[in-house]
């Protein structure tokens, strides 16, 4: 077992706030992950997207002495770069370099983070990129991601999680460069900082980093305490009306489970059994795609997983203290959209009532025991997961999961399923063309039979007779339709 060593170095009382995760090794690549425990939940009222713009401006705005173009020109021969990722509770800056270029690369990384350029032309470019992403990348080209983010916005409305990390088009337009500078001064602090480094760096290098980042202010500014989302009293549907060929569903509800919870490993196994991301072994995938040819992918999640259509595994440093259970059903042809929704909820209901079978439990446990190693197969990911474990105040993620799985029983998983999962009081988001037509279909109790191009086994057709009448318990007032142009506007 690879030894995971966390260095909480204290040079003086003033530096005690800086947390450090250091993973020394023999690799000639040195990997950095500089994480600030602040994200879009700290956006001031009326300014969603401020945390996002601040991080993008730091990563893509040059330094006080070098323009962004000059920074990229210096990094190009090193085959290096600095990227930024912003979520509700974390802003992460990541990069890697060969140890031969360590000092030169670190000088640039340090300058970007500690002496940003704050140039108006860079600010305009970064802001325009964010606005274009919302209009074109999210609303225009990514139905699955769009539905997922609308789901989170719906569930967390009225809380600091209640807006997308990139913000809205109208709020981004109003944010000023002075707003970014103020956010940086108050939130990019030693108390929010976790320094991450891995690879073949010199032993004294961590000390150098700590001394440099002592330049930041010690404590962060005021942030309101996060409150949990309001209770979902009845199932509700939000339809995003968009000119698109298929229907994308995101279905979810809050769960009181994070990596700090003793029930996390059992619920992780339940979600994997139901639908592991991008894997063909899940129940939903088997029932919806393999046996019925309904769509491409059907997956289940107990943690936030953005950019899922591009990734096989989630990125680290998306730690949240509030999570949801989610089903992702995509893409579905409009004539079978109602049946697909019914089938997804039917399979979830069956899991809750019948529990996970013994063979399914054993197969999924064996898979997850190996899969946790895949999650941390790169130094970048290993470092990221180690930082998340600091944030959650838990042991190594991989060791925690493997230890729990080794002791877990089928009854443990079924208890977690019954405790946390449900098919009523859920939020359903659909991205669909002809939203009012889908509205009418979902509000009706009429059967939604599925037709096939070729005969199916009797077991499938008999089960379909149950699924096509499975009650959704939706009233007209439970369903809203929004034009896509209004989403994140």
Foldseek 3Di string as FASTA:
>chain_A
DQDFDWDQDDPDPLLNLAGEGEAEDAFQKKKWKKKFQAAQLQQDPLAAQLRVLLLCCLQQAFFQVDGSVRLCVVCVVQVKGWDWDGAHGMIIIIMMGGQVCVVVVVVRVLRSLPGGNLDPVSSVVSLVVLLCCLVPVQLNPPQQLVLVQVQQLVQAPPWSSNAGRNFFNVSSVPDDSVSSVVQSQARVASNRIYIYMYYHHDPCVVVVVSVSRSSHHHHHDDGDDTDHGDFLPWEFEEEAADPDQFKKKKKKHWFQDDPLDPLVLLQVLVQVQQFQQPDCNHPLNCLQPVQPNFFDGKGKDFADAHPSVPDNDGAFPNDDNITMIMIIDDTGGVLCVLLSVLVSLVVLVCCLVVNDDQVSLVVSLVVVLVVLCVQPVDVNRQRRQVVSCVVSVHPRPNVVSNVSSVPDDSVSSNVSSNVTDDSTSMYMYMYYHPRVVVLVVLQDQDFRQDDDPDDHDPVSNVVSVVSRRRDNPDHSVSYHYHHSVPPSD
